[in-house]
C-alpha cells in the first residue's frame, strides 16, 4: 500500500467494484484480496485493491476458475496489485487457455449430431464413424471432442 493511499470501506469498495459486499468477503476468505483492519475490526481496502478485484472479475468473465485465478495472482510478488505488465503476462497466459476452450467448444458444437468418439456405439452413425470402437485405441473419453476428428487433424 502506498503511504497516503485512500482506504475504502467494504461498502465503498463493493460499490466501486460493482459487487456485493459478500463477494469481497468471499474473495478475501479465498486469499484473492486482502484488507486492513481498523481497531474496531472493520475492513478497509486500499484504493489500489480495486485493480486486483477488477482483474479477478475479468478473469471470471473469461470463464477461469477461482483456482486458476488464485494460481495466477499467487505468481505476483508479495501478492501485490497487478501492474500493466503483470496484466499483459496474465492475460497472455489466459488467452492460451481460452483458445483451448474455444477449440473444445467448437468441437463440441460440430459433433453434437455425430460421433464424438466415446465408444458407446449406441448411435447408428457411430457404426460408420467408429466401427468396432477403433477410436478407443486413442484413449478414454470422447476422443473427437478432446483431440479433434481425423478431418480436423488433416486426415481423412
C-alpha atoms as a PDB file:
ATOM      1  CA  UNK A   1       0.000   0.000   0.000  1.00  0.00           C
ATOM      2  CA  UNK A   2       1.181   3.494  -0.800  1.00  0.00           C
ATOM      3  CA  UNK A   3       1.875   5.750   2.160  1.00  0.00           C
ATOM      4  CA  UNK A   4      -1.130   8.090   1.920  1.00  0.00           C
ATOM      5  CA  UNK A   5      -3.339   5.874  -0.201  1.00  0.00           C
ATOM      6  CA  UNK A   6      -7.057   6.328   0.365  1.00  0.00           C
ATOM      7  CA  UNK A   7      -8.785   3.468   2.175  1.00  0.00           C
ATOM      8  CA  UNK A   8     -12.265   2.325   1.227  1.00  0.00           C
ATOM      9  CA  UNK A   9     -14.857   0.761   3.489  1.00  0.00           C
ATOM     10  CA  UNK A  10     -16.216  -2.572   2.349  1.00  0.00           C
ATOM     11  CA  UNK A  11     -19.368  -0.793   1.172  1.00  0.00           C
ATOM     12  CA  UNK A  12     -17.380   1.752  -0.849  1.00  0.00           C
ATOM     13  CA  UNK A  13     -15.155  -0.937  -2.356  1.00  0.00           C
ATOM     14  CA  UNK A  14     -18.164  -3.099  -3.233  1.00  0.00           C
ATOM     15  CA  UNK A  15     -19.919  -0.172  -4.877  1.00  0.00           C
ATOM     16  CA  UNK A  16     -16.837   0.885  -6.865  1.00  0.00           C
ATOM     17  CA  UNK A  17     -16.248  -2.738  -7.977  1.00  0.00           C
ATOM     18  CA  UNK A  18     -19.973  -3.268  -8.713  1.00  0.00           C
ATOM     19  CA  UNK A  19     -20.091  -6.296  -6.407  1.00  0.00           C
ATOM     20  CA  UNK A  20     -21.919  -7.355  -3.298  1.00  0.00           C
ATOM     21  CA  UNK A  21     -20.045  -7.000  -0.040  1.00  0.00           C
ATOM     22  CA  UNK A  22     -20.373 -10.748   0.418  1.00  0.00           C
ATOM     23  CA  UNK A  23     -18.317 -11.265  -2.768  1.00  0.00           C
ATOM     24  CA  UNK A  24     -15.482  -9.182  -1.319  1.00  0.00           C
ATOM     25  CA  UNK A  25     -15.594 -11.157   1.920  1.00  0.00           C
ATOM     26  CA  UNK A  26     -15.545 -14.384  -0.140  1.00  0.00           C
ATOM     27  CA  UNK A  27     -12.569 -13.195  -2.227  1.00  0.00           C
ATOM     28  CA  UNK A  28     -10.757 -12.259   0.969  1.00  0.00           C
ATOM     29  CA  UNK A  29     -11.505 -15.606   2.602  1.00  0.00           C
ATOM     30  CA  UNK A  30     -10.058 -17.328  -0.502  1.00  0.00           C
ATOM     31  CA  UNK A  31      -6.940 -15.153  -0.252  1.00  0.00           C
ATOM     32  CA  UNK A  32      -7.571 -13.386  -3.566  1.00  0.00           C
ATOM     33  CA  UNK A  33      -7.661  -9.953  -1.942  1.00  0.00           C
ATOM     34  CA  UNK A  34      -6.723  -8.538   1.426  1.00  0.00           C
ATOM     35  CA  UNK A  35      -7.885  -5.743   3.657  1.00  0.00           C
ATOM     36  CA  UNK A  36      -6.514  -3.735   6.501  1.00  0.00           C
ATOM     37  CA  UNK A  37      -8.442  -3.962   9.760  1.00  0.00           C
ATOM     38  CA  UNK A  38      -9.278  -0.957  11.899  1.00  0.00           C
ATOM     39  CA  UNK A  39      -9.130  -1.045  15.683  1.00  0.00           C
ATOM     40  CA  UNK A  40     -12.832  -1.903  15.557  1.00  0.00           C
ATOM     41  CA  UNK A  41     -12.045  -4.842  13.214  1.00  0.00           C
ATOM     42  CA  UNK A  42     -13.690  -3.181  10.210  1.00  0.00           C
ATOM     43  CA  UNK A  43     -12.293  -3.912   6.761  1.00  0.00           C
ATOM     44  CA  UNK A  44     -10.544  -1.165   4.831  1.00  0.00           C
ATOM     45  CA  UNK A  45      -9.354  -1.685   1.273  1.00  0.00           C
ATOM     46  CA  UNK A  46      -6.599   0.361  -0.320  1.00  0.00           C
ATOM     47  CA  UNK A  47      -7.857   2.091  -3.456  1.00  0.00           C
ATOM     48  CA  UNK A  48      -5.317   0.060  -5.445  1.00  0.00           C
ATOM     49  CA  UNK A  49      -7.167  -3.141  -4.427  1.00  0.00           C
ATOM     50  CA  UNK A  50      -9.873  -2.163  -6.934  1.00  0.00           C
ATOM     51  CA  UNK A  51      -7.498  -3.176  -9.738  1.00  0.00           C
ATOM     52  CA  UNK A  52      -6.943  -6.613  -8.212  1.00  0.00           C
ATOM     53  CA  UNK A  53     -10.704  -7.045  -7.796  1.00  0.00           C
ATOM     54  CA  UNK A  54     -11.224  -5.993 -11.409  1.00  0.00           C
ATOM     55  CA  UNK A  55      -8.627  -8.500 -12.624  1.00  0.00           C
ATOM     56  CA  UNK A  56     -10.448 -11.235 -10.700  1.00  0.00           C
ATOM     57  CA  UNK A  57     -13.784 -10.239 -12.206  1.00  0.00           C
ATOM     58  CA  UNK A  58     -12.340 -10.042 -15.724  1.00  0.00           C
ATOM     59  CA  UNK A  59     -10.813 -13.500 -15.349  1.00  0.00           C
ATOM     60  CA  UNK A  60     -14.108 -14.907 -14.078  1.00  0.00           C
ATOM     61  CA  UNK A  61     -15.931 -13.429 -17.066  1.00  0.00           C
ATOM     62  CA  UNK A  62     -13.435 -15.209 -19.293  1.00  0.00           C
ATOM     63  CA  UNK A  63     -14.509 -18.454 -17.655  1.00  0.00           C
ATOM     64  CA  UNK A  64     -11.463 -19.063 -15.496  1.00  0.00           C
ATOM     65  CA  UNK A  65     -11.969 -20.922 -12.253  1.00  0.00           C
ATOM     66  CA  UNK A  66     -11.114 -19.381  -8.921  1.00  0.00           C
ATOM     67  CA  UNK A  67      -8.289 -21.906  -8.621  1.00  0.00           C
ATOM     68  CA  UNK A  68      -6.789 -20.691 -11.911  1.00  0.00           C
ATOM     69  CA  UNK A  69      -7.153 -17.083 -10.782  1.00  0.00           C
ATOM     70  CA  UNK A  70      -5.567 -17.901  -7.407  1.00  0.00           C
ATOM     71  CA  UNK A  71      -2.584 -19.523  -9.130  1.00  0.00           C
ATOM     72  CA  UNK A  72      -2.113 -16.547 -11.401  1.00  0.00           C
ATOM     73  CA  UNK A  73      -2.344 -13.978  -8.616  1.00  0.00           C
ATOM     74  CA  UNK A  74      -0.048 -16.064  -6.411  1.00  0.00           C
ATOM     75  CA  UNK A  75       2.638 -15.603  -9.066  1.00  0.00           C
ATOM     76  CA  UNK A  76       2.764 -11.893  -8.239  1.00  0.00           C
ATOM     77  CA  UNK A  77       5.465 -10.909  -5.752  1.00  0.00           C
ATOM     78  CA  UNK A  78       4.041 -10.274  -2.289  1.00  0.00           C
ATOM     79  CA  UNK A  79       0.501 -10.739  -3.671  1.00  0.00           C
ATOM     80  CA  UNK A  80       0.617  -7.158  -4.859  1.00  0.00           C
ATOM     81  CA  UNK A  81      -1.861  -5.416  -7.104  1.00  0.00           C
ATOM     82  CA  UNK A  82      -1.187  -6.320 -10.751  1.00  0.00           C
ATOM     83  CA  UNK A  83       0.681  -3.759 -12.802  1.00  0.00           C
ATOM     84  CA  UNK A  84       0.115  -3.204 -16.524  1.00  0.00           C
ATOM     85  CA  UNK A  85       2.994  -5.577 -17.260  1.00  0.00           C
ATOM     86  CA  UNK A  86       1.559  -8.200 -14.879  1.00  0.00           C
ATOM     87  CA  UNK A  87      -1.821  -7.907 -16.584  1.00  0.00           C
ATOM     88  CA  UNK A  88      -0.220  -8.397 -20.014  1.00  0.00           C
ATOM     89  CA  UNK A  89       1.539 -11.541 -18.794  1.00  0.00           C
ATOM     90  CA  UNK A  90      -1.531 -12.949 -17.053  1.00  0.00           C
ATOM     91  CA  UNK A  91      -3.862 -12.171 -19.931  1.00  0.00           C
ATOM     92  CA  UNK A  92      -1.483 -13.755 -22.458  1.00  0.00           C
ATOM     93  CA  UNK A  93      -1.436 -16.969 -20.424  1.00  0.00           C
ATOM     94  CA  UNK A  94      -5.199 -16.846 -20.003  1.00  0.00           C
ATOM     95  CA  UNK A  95      -5.536 -16.202 -23.734  1.00  0.00           C
ATOM     96  CA  UNK A  96      -3.883 -19.539 -24.447  1.00  0.00           C
ATOM     97  CA  UNK A  97      -6.282 -21.284 -22.070  1.00  0.00           C
ATOM     98  CA  UNK A  98      -9.217 -19.553 -23.735  1.00  0.00           C
ATOM     99  CA  UNK A  99      -8.027 -20.613 -27.184  1.00  0.00           C
ATOM    100  CA  UNK A 100      -8.039 -24.227 -25.982  1.00  0.00           C
ATOM    101  CA  UNK A 101     -11.530 -23.837 -24.525  1.00  0.00           C
ATOM    102  CA  UNK A 102     -12.805 -22.230 -27.719  1.00  0.00           C
ATOM    103  CA  UNK A 103     -11.398 -25.137 -29.727  1.00  0.00           C
ATOM    104  CA  UNK A 104     -13.075 -27.637 -27.393  1.00  0.00           C
ATOM    105  CA  UNK A 105     -16.375 -25.777 -27.626  1.00  0.00           C
ATOM    106  CA  UNK A 106     -16.169 -25.685 -31.424  1.00  0.00           C
ATOM    107  CA  UNK A 107     -15.514 -29.422 -31.465  1.00  0.00           C
ATOM    108  CA  UNK A 108     -18.490 -29.971 -29.200  1.00  0.00           C
ATOM    109  CA  UNK A 109     -20.730 -27.797 -31.376  1.00  0.00           C
ATOM    110  CA  UNK A 110     -19.593 -29.552 -34.552  1.00  0.00           C
ATOM    111  CA  UNK A 111     -20.047 -33.012 -33.043  1.00  0.00           C
ATOM    112  CA  UNK A 112     -23.434 -32.619 -31.407  1.00  0.00           C
ATOM    113  CA  UNK A 113     -25.229 -34.696 -34.023  1.00  0.00           C
ATOM    114  CA  UNK A 114     -22.437 -37.096 -34.884  1.00  0.00           C
ATOM    115  CA  UNK A 115     -19.924 -39.418 -33.353  1.00  0.00           C
ATOM    116  CA  UNK A 116     -17.830 -37.893 -30.574  1.00  0.00           C
ATOM    117  CA  UNK A 117     -15.562 -40.903 -30.222  1.00  0.00           C
ATOM    118  CA  UNK A 118     -16.847 -42.002 -26.823  1.00  0.00           C
ATOM    119  CA  UNK A 119     -17.076 -45.675 -27.639  1.00  0.00           C
ATOM    120  CA  UNK A 120     -20.769 -46.081 -26.817  1.00  0.00           C
ATOM    121  CA  UNK A 121     -21.641 -47.336 -30.299  1.00  0.00           C
ATOM    122  CA  UNK A 122     -25.303 -46.652 -29.476  1.00  0.00           C
ATOM    123  CA  UNK A 123     -25.907 -44.218 -32.306  1.00  0.00           C
ATOM    124  CA  UNK A 124     -26.438 -45.741 -35.695  1.00  0.00           C
ATOM    125  CA  UNK A 125     -23.925 -43.282 -37.179  1.00  0.00           C
ATOM    126  CA  UNK A 126     -21.182 -44.454 -34.789  1.00  0.00           C
ATOM    127  CA  UNK A 127     -21.068 -47.719 -36.698  1.00  0.00           C
ATOM    128  CA  UNK A 128     -19.951 -45.573 -39.648  1.00  0.00           C
ATOM    129  CA  UNK A 129     -17.510 -43.322 -37.794  1.00  0.00           C
ATOM    130  CA  UNK A 130     -16.258 -45.628 -35.043  1.00  0.00           C
ATOM    131  CA  UNK A 131     -16.827 -49.155 -36.276  1.00  0.00           C
ATOM    132  CA  UNK A 132     -15.745 -51.745 -33.738  1.00  0.00           C
ATOM    133  CA  UNK A 133     -14.751 -48.909 -31.394  1.00  0.00           C
ATOM    134  CA  UNK A 134     -11.412 -48.291 -33.142  1.00  0.00           C
ATOM    135  CA  UNK A 135     -11.171 -44.835 -31.538  1.00  0.00           C
ATOM    136  CA  UNK A 136     -10.630 -46.498 -28.143  1.00  0.00           C
ATOM    137  CA  UNK A 137      -7.023 -47.050 -29.147  1.00  0.00           C
ATOM    138  CA  UNK A 138      -6.576 -43.252 -28.823  1.00  0.00           C
ATOM    139  CA  UNK A 139      -7.540 -43.257 -25.144  1.00  0.00           C
ATOM    140  CA  UNK A 140     -10.564 -42.988 -22.884  1.00  0.00           C
ATOM    141  CA  UNK A 141     -13.337 -40.437 -23.079  1.00  0.00           C
ATOM    142  CA  UNK A 142     -14.885 -38.630 -26.035  1.00  0.00           C
ATOM    143  CA  UNK A 143     -11.700 -38.582 -28.131  1.00  0.00           C
ATOM    144  CA  UNK A 144     -13.073 -36.495 -31.005  1.00  0.00           C
ATOM    145  CA  UNK A 145     -14.045 -33.759 -28.555  1.00  0.00           C
ATOM    146  CA  UNK A 146     -10.699 -33.962 -26.799  1.00  0.00           C
ATOM    147  CA  UNK A 147      -8.299 -34.228 -29.711  1.00  0.00           C
ATOM    148  CA  UNK A 148     -10.427 -33.478 -32.763  1.00  0.00           C
ATOM    149  CA  UNK A 149     -11.664 -35.586 -35.636  1.00  0.00           C
ATOM    150  CA  UNK A 150      -9.319 -37.013 -38.268  1.00  0.00           C
ATOM    151  CA  UNK A 151     -10.610 -34.324 -40.654  1.00  0.00           C
ATOM    152  CA  UNK A 152      -9.648 -31.570 -38.203  1.00  0.00           C
ATOM    153  CA  UNK A 153      -6.195 -33.085 -37.844  1.00  0.00           C
ATOM    154  CA  UNK A 154      -5.702 -33.160 -41.619  1.00  0.00           C
ATOM    155  CA  UNK A 155      -6.522 -36.854 -42.091  1.00  0.00           C
ATOM    156  CA  UNK A 156      -9.359 -38.479 -43.916  1.00  0.00           C
END
